[in-house]
């Protein structure tokens, strides 16, 4: 009755036990989902609360960090909730659209530049651009994205949940072109794996993604 739940958590490099935190976050989400309230918007809010409660009890003060993407599909509609800079995107009519805002300093600086508060060059030059402004493990998560109302999915829509390791290695235009080729999610995943550089940069982050395609 609650549909399908997809969960992605990307542990933050350079922090302690972030891989353990990300795995614990996924398990906490999956375990809480069957008991979560069934109302529109309530399910993911309840699941996210369970994840945050677990993180507070187990990882407070540990110096760990992780992003979180939750996607709930039921009755042909999509609810999502995100924390951090991992992405949820939709391919529809050949166009790949990012549905959530990234919680990092670059997004905050772009907003300030658009308001005329800082010059645009600072967005590109600021060394803290990739630092997160919201993530699991920080002291008090107050910044998150949740769509309201749910989005109606159409036949042929493809959802992509991914860590920044994918978007660092494969540009958006290339991702869009790959997903537009169609086929099963297995075939799409093989193409995406093949798109990674044969000799990746030493600083290349690991990449995690989930693909979901609406067949009917």
C-alpha atoms as a PDB file:
ATOM      1  CA  UNK A   1       0.000   0.000   0.000  1.00  0.00           C
ATOM      2  CA  UNK A   2       3.003   2.308   0.431  1.00  0.00           C
ATOM      3  CA  UNK A   3       4.445   1.611  -3.017  1.00  0.00           C
ATOM      4  CA  UNK A   4       8.179   1.479  -3.730  1.00  0.00           C
ATOM      5  CA  UNK A   5      10.929   3.118  -1.676  1.00  0.00           C
ATOM      6  CA  UNK A   6      14.361   3.937  -3.123  1.00  0.00           C
ATOM      7  CA  UNK A   7      17.140   5.088  -0.771  1.00  0.00           C
ATOM      8  CA  UNK A   8      20.589   6.462  -1.582  1.00  0.00           C
ATOM      9  CA  UNK A   9      23.135   7.670   0.994  1.00  0.00           C
ATOM     10  CA  UNK A  10      26.638   8.847   0.068  1.00  0.00           C
ATOM     11  CA  UNK A  11      29.199   8.861   2.883  1.00  0.00           C
ATOM     12  CA  UNK A  12      31.360  11.992   2.952  1.00  0.00           C
ATOM     13  CA  UNK A  13      35.048  11.470   2.263  1.00  0.00           C
ATOM     14  CA  UNK A  14      37.537  12.834   4.787  1.00  0.00           C
ATOM     15  CA  UNK A  15      35.163  12.261   7.709  1.00  0.00           C
ATOM     16  CA  UNK A  16      35.255   9.410  10.238  1.00  0.00           C
ATOM     17  CA  UNK A  17      33.141   6.276   9.638  1.00  0.00           C
ATOM     18  CA  UNK A  18      31.026   7.960   6.967  1.00  0.00           C
ATOM     19  CA  UNK A  19      30.612   4.661   5.118  1.00  0.00           C
ATOM     20  CA  UNK A  20      29.172   3.103   8.264  1.00  0.00           C
ATOM     21  CA  UNK A  21      26.799   6.037   8.723  1.00  0.00           C
ATOM     22  CA  UNK A  22      25.560   5.867   5.127  1.00  0.00           C
ATOM     23  CA  UNK A  23      24.888   2.123   5.376  1.00  0.00           C
ATOM     24  CA  UNK A  24      23.094   2.595   8.712  1.00  0.00           C
ATOM     25  CA  UNK A  25      20.964   5.354   7.175  1.00  0.00           C
ATOM     26  CA  UNK A  26      19.826   3.099   4.325  1.00  0.00           C
ATOM     27  CA  UNK A  27      18.959   0.270   6.731  1.00  0.00           C
ATOM     28  CA  UNK A  28      17.075   2.629   9.069  1.00  0.00           C
ATOM     29  CA  UNK A  29      15.019   3.950   6.142  1.00  0.00           C
ATOM     30  CA  UNK A  30      14.155   0.468   4.861  1.00  0.00           C
ATOM     31  CA  UNK A  31      13.204  -0.778   8.321  1.00  0.00           C
ATOM     32  CA  UNK A  32      10.965   2.200   9.126  1.00  0.00           C
ATOM     33  CA  UNK A  33       9.179   2.306   5.751  1.00  0.00           C
ATOM     34  CA  UNK A  34       6.660  -0.538   6.357  1.00  0.00           C
ATOM     35  CA  UNK A  35       5.453   1.109   9.598  1.00  0.00           C
ATOM     36  CA  UNK A  36       5.423   4.708   8.329  1.00  0.00           C
ATOM     37  CA  UNK A  37       2.116   6.611   8.054  1.00  0.00           C
ATOM     38  CA  UNK A  38       0.456   6.248   4.678  1.00  0.00           C
ATOM     39  CA  UNK A  39      -0.720   9.792   4.004  1.00  0.00           C
ATOM     40  CA  UNK A  40       0.680  11.896   1.157  1.00  0.00           C
ATOM     41  CA  UNK A  41       3.916  13.515   2.286  1.00  0.00           C
ATOM     42  CA  UNK A  42       3.732  11.795   5.674  1.00  0.00           C
ATOM     43  CA  UNK A  43       5.533   8.608   4.674  1.00  0.00           C
ATOM     44  CA  UNK A  44       8.866  10.148   3.707  1.00  0.00           C
ATOM     45  CA  UNK A  45       8.743  12.671   6.562  1.00  0.00           C
ATOM     46  CA  UNK A  46       8.350   9.767   8.985  1.00  0.00           C
ATOM     47  CA  UNK A  47      11.128   7.742   7.331  1.00  0.00           C
ATOM     48  CA  UNK A  48      13.475  10.751   7.384  1.00  0.00           C
ATOM     49  CA  UNK A  49      12.668  11.340  11.062  1.00  0.00           C
ATOM     50  CA  UNK A  50      13.594   7.718  11.835  1.00  0.00           C
ATOM     51  CA  UNK A  51      16.901   8.096   9.987  1.00  0.00           C
ATOM     52  CA  UNK A  52      17.761  11.358  11.744  1.00  0.00           C
ATOM     53  CA  UNK A  53      16.839   9.878  15.127  1.00  0.00           C
ATOM     54  CA  UNK A  54      19.156   6.908  14.481  1.00  0.00           C
ATOM     55  CA  UNK A  55      21.993   9.204  13.409  1.00  0.00           C
ATOM     56  CA  UNK A  56      21.587  11.342  16.524  1.00  0.00           C
ATOM     57  CA  UNK A  57      21.697   8.310  18.804  1.00  0.00           C
ATOM     58  CA  UNK A  58      24.573   6.466  17.113  1.00  0.00           C
ATOM     59  CA  UNK A  59      26.733   9.080  15.414  1.00  0.00           C
ATOM     60  CA  UNK A  60      26.436  12.350  17.359  1.00  0.00           C
ATOM     61  CA  UNK A  61      29.908  13.798  17.807  1.00  0.00           C
ATOM     62  CA  UNK A  62      31.529  11.061  15.707  1.00  0.00           C
ATOM     63  CA  UNK A  63      32.609  13.376  12.891  1.00  0.00           C
ATOM     64  CA  UNK A  64      30.713  11.266  10.334  1.00  0.00           C
ATOM     65  CA  UNK A  65      28.664  12.609   7.453  1.00  0.00           C
ATOM     66  CA  UNK A  66      26.382  11.389   4.662  1.00  0.00           C
ATOM     67  CA  UNK A  67      23.873  12.656   2.129  1.00  0.00           C
ATOM     68  CA  UNK A  68      20.384  11.161   1.816  1.00  0.00           C
ATOM     69  CA  UNK A  69      17.900  10.751  -1.034  1.00  0.00           C
ATOM     70  CA  UNK A  70      14.500   9.140  -0.419  1.00  0.00           C
ATOM     71  CA  UNK A  71      12.048   8.468  -3.252  1.00  0.00           C
ATOM     72  CA  UNK A  72       8.600   6.949  -2.754  1.00  0.00           C
ATOM     73  CA  UNK A  73       6.591   5.917  -5.832  1.00  0.00           C
ATOM     74  CA  UNK A  74       2.994   4.782  -5.469  1.00  0.00           C
ATOM     75  CA  UNK A  75      -0.126   5.140  -7.508  1.00  0.00           C
ATOM     76  CA  UNK A  76       1.932   6.559 -10.361  1.00  0.00           C
ATOM     77  CA  UNK A  77       3.135   9.508  -8.261  1.00  0.00           C
ATOM     78  CA  UNK A  78       6.555  10.461  -6.882  1.00  0.00           C
ATOM     79  CA  UNK A  79       7.421  11.858  -3.459  1.00  0.00           C
ATOM     80  CA  UNK A  80      11.056  12.656  -2.714  1.00  0.00           C
ATOM     81  CA  UNK A  81      13.105  14.068   0.149  1.00  0.00           C
ATOM     82  CA  UNK A  82      16.805  14.965  -0.053  1.00  0.00           C
ATOM     83  CA  UNK A  83      19.534  16.143   2.329  1.00  0.00           C
ATOM     84  CA  UNK A  84      22.973  17.121   1.002  1.00  0.00           C
ATOM     85  CA  UNK A  85      24.257  17.264  -2.573  1.00  0.00           C
ATOM     86  CA  UNK A  86      23.171  13.879  -3.920  1.00  0.00           C
ATOM     87  CA  UNK A  87      20.757  14.291  -6.792  1.00  0.00           C
ATOM     88  CA  UNK A  88      17.369  13.094  -7.977  1.00  0.00           C
ATOM     89  CA  UNK A  89      16.735  13.753 -11.671  1.00  0.00           C
ATOM     90  CA  UNK A  90      14.000  12.932 -14.191  1.00  0.00           C
ATOM     91  CA  UNK A  91      14.389  12.097 -17.867  1.00  0.00           C
ATOM     92  CA  UNK A  92      11.190  13.044 -19.694  1.00  0.00           C
ATOM     93  CA  UNK A  93      10.721  13.696 -23.418  1.00  0.00           C
ATOM     94  CA  UNK A  94      14.472  13.413 -23.884  1.00  0.00           C
ATOM     95  CA  UNK A  95      15.368  16.112 -21.349  1.00  0.00           C
ATOM     96  CA  UNK A  96      17.163  15.363 -18.062  1.00  0.00           C
ATOM     97  CA  UNK A  97      15.906  17.672 -15.303  1.00  0.00           C
ATOM     98  CA  UNK A  98      17.323  17.863 -11.771  1.00  0.00           C
ATOM     99  CA  UNK A  99      14.405  17.929  -9.318  1.00  0.00           C
ATOM    100  CA  UNK A 100      16.159  18.948  -6.103  1.00  0.00           C
ATOM    101  CA  UNK A 101      18.513  21.724  -4.998  1.00  0.00           C
ATOM    102  CA  UNK A 102      21.994  20.827  -3.788  1.00  0.00           C
ATOM    103  CA  UNK A 103      22.830  21.785  -0.215  1.00  0.00           C
ATOM    104  CA  UNK A 104      26.335  23.179  -0.670  1.00  0.00           C
ATOM    105  CA  UNK A 105      28.063  26.546  -0.557  1.00  0.00           C
ATOM    106  CA  UNK A 106      28.009  26.832  -4.356  1.00  0.00           C
ATOM    107  CA  UNK A 107      24.185  26.852  -4.348  1.00  0.00           C
ATOM    108  CA  UNK A 108      24.159  29.412  -1.526  1.00  0.00           C
ATOM    109  CA  UNK A 109      26.678  31.621  -3.370  1.00  0.00           C
ATOM    110  CA  UNK A 110      24.682  31.399  -6.636  1.00  0.00           C
ATOM    111  CA  UNK A 111      21.611  32.630  -4.755  1.00  0.00           C
ATOM    112  CA  UNK A 112      23.571  35.538  -3.282  1.00  0.00           C
ATOM    113  CA  UNK A 113      25.031  36.409  -6.691  1.00  0.00           C
ATOM    114  CA  UNK A 114      21.557  36.375  -8.284  1.00  0.00           C
ATOM    115  CA  UNK A 115      20.461  38.919  -5.655  1.00  0.00           C
ATOM    116  CA  UNK A 116      23.482  41.105  -6.463  1.00  0.00           C
ATOM    117  CA  UNK A 117      25.050  40.622  -3.042  1.00  0.00           C
ATOM    118  CA  UNK A 118      28.330  39.158  -4.352  1.00  0.00           C
ATOM    119  CA  UNK A 119      30.041  39.061  -7.783  1.00  0.00           C
ATOM    120  CA  UNK A 120      29.407  35.959  -9.913  1.00  0.00           C
ATOM    121  CA  UNK A 121      33.116  35.142 -10.118  1.00  0.00           C
ATOM    122  CA  UNK A 122      33.109  34.314  -6.411  1.00  0.00           C
ATOM    123  CA  UNK A 123      30.823  31.354  -7.120  1.00  0.00           C
ATOM    124  CA  UNK A 124      33.533  29.708  -9.233  1.00  0.00           C
ATOM    125  CA  UNK A 125      36.539  30.915  -7.247  1.00  0.00           C
ATOM    126  CA  UNK A 126      35.421  30.183  -3.684  1.00  0.00           C
ATOM    127  CA  UNK A 127      37.416  27.161  -2.428  1.00  0.00           C
ATOM    128  CA  UNK A 128      34.507  26.032  -0.225  1.00  0.00           C
ATOM    129  CA  UNK A 129      32.054  25.622  -3.132  1.00  0.00           C
ATOM    130  CA  UNK A 130      31.665  21.860  -2.659  1.00  0.00           C
ATOM    131  CA  UNK A 131      31.346  22.001   1.142  1.00  0.00           C
ATOM    132  CA  UNK A 132      27.897  20.856   2.262  1.00  0.00           C
ATOM    133  CA  UNK A 133      25.493  23.121   4.126  1.00  0.00           C
ATOM    134  CA  UNK A 134      23.234  20.225   5.175  1.00  0.00           C
ATOM    135  CA  UNK A 135      24.019  16.533   5.738  1.00  0.00           C
ATOM    136  CA  UNK A 136      23.322  13.602   8.028  1.00  0.00           C
ATOM    137  CA  UNK A 137      25.630  13.849  11.018  1.00  0.00           C
ATOM    138  CA  UNK A 138      25.724  17.623  11.341  1.00  0.00           C
ATOM    139  CA  UNK A 139      24.443  19.187  14.547  1.00  0.00           C
ATOM    140  CA  UNK A 140      20.817  19.850  13.691  1.00  0.00           C
ATOM    141  CA  UNK A 141      19.657  19.235  10.108  1.00  0.00           C
ATOM    142  CA  UNK A 142      17.278  22.060   9.215  1.00  0.00           C
ATOM    143  CA  UNK A 143      17.763  22.206   5.440  1.00  0.00           C
ATOM    144  CA  UNK A 144      16.097  19.574   3.254  1.00  0.00           C
ATOM    145  CA  UNK A 145      14.138  19.341   0.010  1.00  0.00           C
ATOM    146  CA  UNK A 146      10.715  17.686  -0.261  1.00  0.00           C
ATOM    147  CA  UNK A 147       8.368  18.045  -3.218  1.00  0.00           C
ATOM    148  CA  UNK A 148       4.801  19.075  -2.551  1.00  0.00           C
ATOM    149  CA  UNK A 149       2.418  17.907  -3.978  1.00  0.00           C
ATOM    150  CA  UNK A 150       3.568  14.543  -5.390  1.00  0.00           C
ATOM    151  CA  UNK A 151       4.667  14.521  -9.036  1.00  0.00           C
ATOM    152  CA  UNK A 152       2.703  12.417 -11.515  1.00  0.00           C
ATOM    153  CA  UNK A 153       4.998  10.102 -13.479  1.00  0.00           C
ATOM    154  CA  UNK A 154       4.354   9.347 -17.159  1.00  0.00           C
ATOM    155  CA  UNK A 155       5.033   6.224 -19.167  1.00  0.00           C
ATOM    156  CA  UNK A 156       8.685   6.109 -20.189  1.00  0.00           C
ATOM    157  CA  UNK A 157       9.890   8.447 -17.420  1.00  0.00           C
ATOM    158  CA  UNK A 158      13.298   7.517 -16.000  1.00  0.00           C
ATOM    159  CA  UNK A 159      14.309   8.537 -12.477  1.00  0.00           C
ATOM    160  CA  UNK A 160      17.976   8.821 -11.554  1.00  0.00           C
ATOM    161  CA  UNK A 161      19.136   9.009  -7.932  1.00  0.00           C
ATOM    162  CA  UNK A 162      22.896   9.513  -7.777  1.00  0.00           C
ATOM    163  CA  UNK A 163      25.880  10.591  -5.707  1.00  0.00           C
ATOM    164  CA  UNK A 164      28.170  13.385  -6.850  1.00  0.00           C
ATOM    165  CA  UNK A 165      30.737  10.775  -7.862  1.00  0.00           C
ATOM    166  CA  UNK A 166      28.626  10.117 -10.964  1.00  0.00           C
ATOM    167  CA  UNK A 167      28.055  13.754 -11.891  1.00  0.00           C
ATOM    168  CA  UNK A 168      31.754  14.577 -11.362  1.00  0.00           C
ATOM    169  CA  UNK A 169      32.808  11.916 -13.862  1.00  0.00           C
ATOM    170  CA  UNK A 170      29.990  12.098 -16.424  1.00  0.00           C
ATOM    171  CA  UNK A 171      28.776  15.564 -17.530  1.00  0.00           C
ATOM    172  CA  UNK A 172      25.042  16.260 -17.513  1.00  0.00           C
ATOM    173  CA  UNK A 173      24.858  16.453 -21.316  1.00  0.00           C
ATOM    174  CA  UNK A 174      26.490  13.022 -21.616  1.00  0.00           C
ATOM    175  CA  UNK A 175      24.206  11.549 -18.958  1.00  0.00           C
ATOM    176  CA  UNK A 176      21.183  12.890 -20.818  1.00  0.00           C
ATOM    177  CA  UNK A 177      22.414  11.412 -24.096  1.00  0.00           C
ATOM    178  CA  UNK A 178      23.024   8.015 -22.489  1.00  0.00           C
ATOM    179  CA  UNK A 179      19.593   7.848 -20.868  1.00  0.00           C
ATOM    180  CA  UNK A 180      17.879   8.984 -24.081  1.00  0.00           C
ATOM    181  CA  UNK A 181      19.146   5.856 -25.835  1.00  0.00           C
ATOM    182  CA  UNK A 182      16.411   3.913 -24.041  1.00  0.00           C
ATOM    183  CA  UNK A 183      16.240   0.227 -23.218  1.00  0.00           C
ATOM    184  CA  UNK A 184      16.010  -1.561 -19.890  1.00  0.00           C
ATOM    185  CA  UNK A 185      17.522  -0.145 -16.713  1.00  0.00           C
ATOM    186  CA  UNK A 186      20.128  -2.917 -16.921  1.00  0.00           C
ATOM    187  CA  UNK A 187      21.162  -1.755 -20.412  1.00  0.00           C
ATOM    188  CA  UNK A 188      21.190   1.879 -19.291  1.00  0.00           C
ATOM    189  CA  UNK A 189      23.382   1.028 -16.306  1.00  0.00           C
ATOM    190  CA  UNK A 190      25.895  -0.801 -18.516  1.00  0.00           C
ATOM    191  CA  UNK A 191      26.154   2.281 -20.743  1.00  0.00           C
ATOM    192  CA  UNK A 192      26.655   4.534 -17.733  1.00  0.00           C
ATOM    193  CA  UNK A 193      29.404   2.281 -16.348  1.00  0.00           C
ATOM    194  CA  UNK A 194      31.137   2.343 -19.732  1.00  0.00           C
ATOM    195  CA  UNK A 195      31.033   6.162 -19.735  1.00  0.00           C
ATOM    196  CA  UNK A 196      33.527   6.422 -16.865  1.00  0.00           C
ATOM    197  CA  UNK A 197      37.069   7.405 -17.938  1.00  0.00           C
ATOM    198  CA  UNK A 198      39.410   4.448 -18.482  1.00  0.00           C
ATOM    199  CA  UNK A 199      41.947   6.170 -16.223  1.00  0.00           C
ATOM    200  CA  UNK A 200      39.933   8.281 -13.766  1.00  0.00           C
ATOM    201  CA  UNK A 201      41.416  11.235 -11.918  1.00  0.00           C
ATOM    202  CA  UNK A 202      43.081  10.321  -8.622  1.00  0.00           C
ATOM    203  CA  UNK A 203      40.532  12.494  -6.824  1.00  0.00           C
ATOM    204  CA  UNK A 204      37.536  10.742  -8.450  1.00  0.00           C
ATOM    205  CA  UNK A 205      34.913   9.879  -5.841  1.00  0.00           C
ATOM    206  CA  UNK A 206      33.066   6.580  -5.834  1.00  0.00           C
ATOM    207  CA  UNK A 207      29.785   6.666  -7.730  1.00  0.00           C
ATOM    208  CA  UNK A 208      26.434   5.300  -6.588  1.00  0.00           C
ATOM    209  CA  UNK A 209      23.152   5.483  -8.458  1.00  0.00           C
ATOM    210  CA  UNK A 210      19.657   4.031  -8.716  1.00  0.00           C
ATOM    211  CA  UNK A 211      17.664   3.961 -11.955  1.00  0.00           C
ATOM    212  CA  UNK A 212      13.863   3.547 -12.028  1.00  0.00           C
ATOM    213  CA  UNK A 213      11.841   3.430 -15.238  1.00  0.00           C
ATOM    214  CA  UNK A 214       8.060   3.699 -15.474  1.00  0.00           C
ATOM    215  CA  UNK A 215       6.923   1.042 -17.926  1.00  0.00           C
ATOM    216  CA  UNK A 216       3.191   1.734 -17.982  1.00  0.00           C
END
